């Protein structure tokens, strides 16, 4: 688990204060949506059809109990009582109001969570990783047949198209 030190804590707090000023300027009309877009994206804030969505990166996909409780509190207080864990080991809140975002970021900073669009958790297919690390020993594909989602498709039966419909030319 990544442990935040004093540098990280100071950096996150400065960033929260800076973004709070940017949100206030956006709400006051001093920033247009086009001007605000890069500022909000850098902080994990996305504009969806009906509301803003806040994406929280979870380094290495590991949370302490204190961080998990804080995320639950944020969901109850500023969202609709829940958040969504993604396949990339992030957490998303889909109904946070723009005016509340600086408070959410400050609450995250209290437990050492960083909201950042550039941070990505590494995803891995263990079967493919095993195949690649063992090299030519598995070059024949023995033991890993059909494990790859990108394996070539088998040819369709005679008289059938790839979409499993009768071939229109055979009529």
Protein backbone atom coordinates (compact mmCIF):
# COMPACT_ATOMS: atom_id res chain seq x y z
CA UNK A 1 0.00 0.00 0.00
CA UNK A 2 1.32 3.43 -0.90
CA UNK A 3 2.04 5.51 2.18
CA UNK A 4 1.71 9.27 1.87
CA UNK A 5 4.47 11.32 3.47
CA UNK A 6 4.56 15.02 4.42
CA UNK A 7 5.42 16.07 0.87
CA UNK A 8 2.40 14.22 -0.54
CA UNK A 9 0.13 15.65 2.13
CA UNK A 10 1.29 19.24 1.50
CA UNK A 11 0.97 18.77 -2.27
CA UNK A 12 -2.59 17.44 -2.01
CA UNK A 13 -3.67 20.22 0.36
CA UNK A 14 -2.25 22.90 -1.99
CA UNK A 15 -4.02 21.31 -4.91
CA UNK A 16 -7.34 21.21 -3.03
CA UNK A 17 -7.01 24.92 -2.14
CA UNK A 18 -6.17 25.78 -5.76
CA UNK A 19 -9.12 23.79 -7.11
CA UNK A 20 -11.47 25.38 -4.56
CA UNK A 21 -10.63 28.78 -6.07
CA UNK A 22 -11.17 27.43 -9.58
CA UNK A 23 -14.59 26.01 -8.63
CA UNK A 24 -15.60 29.33 -7.05
CA UNK A 25 -14.59 31.15 -10.25
CA UNK A 26 -16.59 28.65 -12.36
CA UNK A 27 -19.69 29.03 -10.18
CA UNK A 28 -19.37 32.83 -10.32
CA UNK A 29 -19.22 32.68 -14.13
CA UNK A 30 -15.61 33.90 -14.39
CA UNK A 31 -14.63 30.63 -16.10
CA UNK A 32 -16.49 29.11 -19.02
CA UNK A 33 -16.96 25.35 -19.23
CA UNK A 34 -14.26 25.19 -21.92
CA UNK A 35 -11.81 27.00 -19.63
CA UNK A 36 -12.81 24.89 -16.63
CA UNK A 37 -12.60 21.52 -18.45
CA UNK A 38 -8.81 20.95 -18.17
CA UNK A 39 -8.85 22.07 -14.54
CA UNK A 40 -11.62 19.66 -13.56
CA UNK A 41 -10.23 16.74 -15.58
CA UNK A 42 -6.89 17.08 -13.82
CA UNK A 43 -8.78 16.61 -10.56
CA UNK A 44 -10.79 13.57 -11.68
CA UNK A 45 -14.04 15.49 -12.23
CA UNK A 46 -16.11 14.62 -15.31
CA UNK A 47 -19.25 16.28 -16.62
CA UNK A 48 -21.87 13.68 -17.45
CA UNK A 49 -25.36 14.13 -18.82
CA UNK A 50 -27.10 15.06 -15.55
CA UNK A 51 -24.33 15.68 -13.02
CA UNK A 52 -20.63 15.74 -12.31
CA UNK A 53 -18.84 12.47 -11.64
CA UNK A 54 -15.78 12.34 -9.39
CA UNK A 55 -13.27 9.53 -10.01
CA UNK A 56 -10.94 8.65 -7.17
CA UNK A 57 -7.77 6.73 -7.93
CA UNK A 58 -6.90 4.05 -5.41
CA UNK A 59 -3.13 3.42 -5.60
CA UNK A 60 -2.45 -0.30 -6.14
CA UNK A 61 -6.14 -0.97 -5.47
CA UNK A 62 -5.50 -1.13 -1.71
CA UNK A 63 -7.37 0.87 0.96
CA UNK A 64 -6.88 1.04 4.69
CA UNK A 65 -9.97 0.67 6.91
CA UNK A 66 -9.74 4.39 7.72
CA UNK A 67 -9.75 5.30 4.01
CA UNK A 68 -12.66 2.96 3.30
CA UNK A 69 -14.71 4.50 6.12
CA UNK A 70 -13.95 7.98 4.77
CA UNK A 71 -15.07 6.96 1.28
CA UNK A 72 -18.31 5.59 2.75
CA UNK A 73 -18.86 8.86 4.63
CA UNK A 74 -18.31 10.84 1.43
CA UNK A 75 -20.88 8.69 -0.38
CA UNK A 76 -23.44 9.20 2.39
CA UNK A 77 -22.83 12.93 2.82
CA UNK A 78 -22.25 14.22 -0.72
CA UNK A 79 -23.55 11.55 -3.08
CA UNK A 80 -26.60 9.29 -2.99
CA UNK A 81 -25.27 7.01 -0.26
CA UNK A 82 -22.91 4.94 -2.38
CA UNK A 83 -20.04 4.97 -4.87
CA UNK A 84 -19.07 2.63 -7.70
CA UNK A 85 -15.85 0.63 -7.77
CA UNK A 86 -14.54 0.34 -11.31
CA UNK A 87 -12.62 -2.41 -13.05
CA UNK A 88 -9.53 -0.19 -12.89
CA UNK A 89 -9.67 -0.17 -9.09
CA UNK A 90 -11.02 3.37 -8.84
CA UNK A 91 -14.08 4.67 -7.05
CA UNK A 92 -16.63 6.92 -8.76
CA UNK A 93 -19.25 9.17 -7.23
CA UNK A 94 -21.83 10.09 -9.85
CA UNK A 95 -24.01 12.70 -8.15
CA UNK A 96 -21.65 15.07 -6.32
CA UNK A 97 -22.58 18.74 -6.70
CA UNK A 98 -19.89 21.04 -8.07
CA UNK A 99 -20.11 23.31 -5.05
CA UNK A 100 -19.29 20.33 -2.78
CA UNK A 101 -16.27 19.03 -4.73
CA UNK A 102 -13.63 21.06 -2.78
CA UNK A 103 -15.04 19.68 0.49
CA UNK A 104 -14.91 16.14 -0.89
CA UNK A 105 -11.30 16.64 -1.99
CA UNK A 106 -10.39 18.00 1.45
CA UNK A 107 -12.03 14.96 3.09
CA UNK A 108 -10.00 12.69 0.82
CA UNK A 109 -6.81 14.58 1.68
CA UNK A 110 -7.50 13.90 5.38
CA UNK A 111 -6.94 10.18 4.79
CA UNK A 112 -4.23 10.44 2.14
CA UNK A 113 -6.22 9.80 -1.02
CA UNK A 114 -5.26 11.54 -4.24
CA UNK A 115 -7.78 12.33 -6.94
CA UNK A 116 -5.94 12.35 -10.23
CA UNK A 117 -6.97 11.53 -13.75
CA UNK A 118 -3.44 10.58 -14.78
CA UNK A 119 -2.94 7.78 -12.28
CA UNK A 120 -3.84 4.33 -13.56
CA UNK A 121 -3.84 1.01 -11.80
CA UNK A 122 -2.17 -1.80 -13.71
CA UNK A 123 -4.49 -4.52 -14.97
CA UNK A 124 -3.17 -7.92 -15.89
CA UNK A 125 -4.49 -11.11 -17.37
CA UNK A 126 -2.67 -13.82 -15.36
CA UNK A 127 -2.95 -16.40 -18.12
CA UNK A 128 -1.41 -14.14 -20.75
CA UNK A 129 1.26 -12.98 -18.29
CA UNK A 130 2.16 -16.60 -17.55
CA UNK A 131 2.31 -17.37 -21.27
CA UNK A 132 4.59 -14.43 -21.99
CA UNK A 133 6.95 -14.97 -19.04
CA UNK A 134 7.46 -18.67 -19.75
CA UNK A 135 8.34 -17.96 -23.35
CA UNK A 136 8.72 -20.67 -25.99
CA UNK A 137 7.82 -23.49 -23.59
CA UNK A 138 4.17 -22.65 -24.21
CA UNK A 139 4.58 -21.46 -27.78
CA UNK A 140 2.33 -24.24 -29.00
CA UNK A 141 -0.48 -22.84 -26.88
CA UNK A 142 -0.84 -26.04 -24.85
CA UNK A 143 -2.66 -25.28 -21.65
CA UNK A 144 -3.69 -21.79 -22.73
CA UNK A 145 -5.97 -22.54 -25.64
CA UNK A 146 -8.92 -20.15 -25.76
CA UNK A 147 -7.58 -18.23 -22.78
CA UNK A 148 -6.87 -15.15 -24.82
CA UNK A 149 -9.86 -12.89 -25.56
CA UNK A 150 -8.16 -11.96 -28.83
CA UNK A 151 -7.78 -15.51 -30.09
CA UNK A 152 -8.68 -15.84 -33.78
CA UNK A 153 -12.23 -16.87 -34.49
CA UNK A 154 -12.97 -20.21 -36.03
CA UNK A 155 -14.32 -20.12 -39.56
CA UNK A 156 -18.13 -20.14 -39.69
CA UNK A 157 -19.88 -23.31 -40.86
CA UNK A 158 -20.40 -23.63 -44.60
CA UNK A 159 -23.32 -21.55 -45.80
CA UNK A 160 -23.34 -19.35 -42.69
CA UNK A 161 -21.98 -15.83 -42.33
CA UNK A 162 -19.87 -14.61 -39.41
CA UNK A 163 -23.02 -13.29 -37.77
CA UNK A 164 -24.44 -16.80 -37.76
CA UNK A 165 -27.12 -15.96 -40.33
CA UNK A 166 -27.79 -17.78 -43.58
CA UNK A 167 -25.55 -16.52 -46.34
CA UNK A 168 -27.64 -14.34 -48.62
CA UNK A 169 -25.67 -15.45 -51.69
CA UNK A 170 -26.80 -19.07 -51.28
CA UNK A 171 -30.49 -18.27 -51.97
